[in-house]
């Protein structure tokens, strides 16, 4: 099986991203962004469904 350099780089980058999520350091940035997006989506949902709750 012959792997191109591009494929090898892609695999190593994927492994590096999973390492960040598992440990400290940059994983905390990813966690904070997920939390922020979760709060944002919830607020957006509340705004969108406000008229239903007013009845």
C-alpha atoms as a PDB file:
ATOM      1  CA  UNK A   1       0.000   0.000   0.000  1.00  0.00           C
ATOM      2  CA  UNK A   2       1.486   3.333  -1.072  1.00  0.00           C
ATOM      3  CA  UNK A   3       0.508   6.416   0.954  1.00  0.00           C
ATOM      4  CA  UNK A   4       1.001   9.873  -0.449  1.00  0.00           C
ATOM      5  CA  UNK A   5       2.528  12.626   1.636  1.00  0.00           C
ATOM      6  CA  UNK A   6      -0.834  14.429   1.718  1.00  0.00           C
ATOM      7  CA  UNK A   7      -2.563  11.387   3.241  1.00  0.00           C
ATOM      8  CA  UNK A   8       0.126  11.033   5.915  1.00  0.00           C
ATOM      9  CA  UNK A   9      -0.149  14.725   6.832  1.00  0.00           C
ATOM     10  CA  UNK A  10      -3.931  14.427   7.073  1.00  0.00           C
ATOM     11  CA  UNK A  11      -3.683  11.438   9.431  1.00  0.00           C
ATOM     12  CA  UNK A  12      -1.105  13.107  11.670  1.00  0.00           C
ATOM     13  CA  UNK A  13      -3.205  16.284  11.879  1.00  0.00           C
ATOM     14  CA  UNK A  14      -6.270  14.242  12.851  1.00  0.00           C
ATOM     15  CA  UNK A  15      -4.267  12.490  15.567  1.00  0.00           C
ATOM     16  CA  UNK A  16      -2.924  15.814  16.837  1.00  0.00           C
ATOM     17  CA  UNK A  17      -6.452  17.276  17.098  1.00  0.00           C
ATOM     18  CA  UNK A  18      -7.671  14.284  19.111  1.00  0.00           C
ATOM     19  CA  UNK A  19      -4.653  14.676  21.424  1.00  0.00           C
ATOM     20  CA  UNK A  20      -5.647  18.302  22.084  1.00  0.00           C
ATOM     21  CA  UNK A  21      -9.184  17.326  23.004  1.00  0.00           C
ATOM     22  CA  UNK A  22      -8.003  14.587  25.336  1.00  0.00           C
ATOM     23  CA  UNK A  23      -5.467  16.642  27.302  1.00  0.00           C
ATOM     24  CA  UNK A  24      -5.069  20.132  28.675  1.00  0.00           C
ATOM     25  CA  UNK A  25      -3.800  23.101  26.723  1.00  0.00           C
ATOM     26  CA  UNK A  26      -5.679  23.756  23.529  1.00  0.00           C
ATOM     27  CA  UNK A  27      -8.414  21.252  24.434  1.00  0.00           C
ATOM     28  CA  UNK A  28      -9.806  23.795  26.888  1.00  0.00           C
ATOM     29  CA  UNK A  29     -10.179  26.310  24.033  1.00  0.00           C
ATOM     30  CA  UNK A  30     -12.204  23.768  22.056  1.00  0.00           C
ATOM     31  CA  UNK A  31     -14.354  23.020  25.119  1.00  0.00           C
ATOM     32  CA  UNK A  32     -15.005  26.737  25.704  1.00  0.00           C
ATOM     33  CA  UNK A  33     -15.994  27.230  22.068  1.00  0.00           C
ATOM     34  CA  UNK A  34     -18.408  24.269  22.241  1.00  0.00           C
ATOM     35  CA  UNK A  35     -19.949  25.709  25.418  1.00  0.00           C
ATOM     36  CA  UNK A  36     -20.290  29.127  23.770  1.00  0.00           C
ATOM     37  CA  UNK A  37     -21.946  27.624  20.689  1.00  0.00           C
ATOM     38  CA  UNK A  38     -24.316  25.576  22.874  1.00  0.00           C
ATOM     39  CA  UNK A  39     -25.392  28.725  24.752  1.00  0.00           C
ATOM     40  CA  UNK A  40     -25.730  30.650  21.483  1.00  0.00           C
ATOM     41  CA  UNK A  41     -27.923  27.962  19.895  1.00  0.00           C
ATOM     42  CA  UNK A  42     -30.125  27.845  22.983  1.00  0.00           C
ATOM     43  CA  UNK A  43     -30.585  31.636  23.020  1.00  0.00           C
ATOM     44  CA  UNK A  44     -31.356  31.591  19.298  1.00  0.00           C
ATOM     45  CA  UNK A  45     -33.973  28.866  19.859  1.00  0.00           C
ATOM     46  CA  UNK A  46     -35.582  30.882  22.660  1.00  0.00           C
ATOM     47  CA  UNK A  47     -35.793  33.967  20.446  1.00  0.00           C
ATOM     48  CA  UNK A  48     -37.284  31.953  17.616  1.00  0.00           C
ATOM     49  CA  UNK A  49     -39.942  30.294  19.775  1.00  0.00           C
ATOM     50  CA  UNK A  50     -40.829  33.327  21.935  1.00  0.00           C
ATOM     51  CA  UNK A  51     -44.219  33.819  20.261  1.00  0.00           C
ATOM     52  CA  UNK A  52     -45.212  30.230  21.109  1.00  0.00           C
ATOM     53  CA  UNK A  53     -44.475  30.762  24.799  1.00  0.00           C
ATOM     54  CA  UNK A  54     -46.392  34.059  24.955  1.00  0.00           C
ATOM     55  CA  UNK A  55     -49.764  32.440  24.271  1.00  0.00           C
END
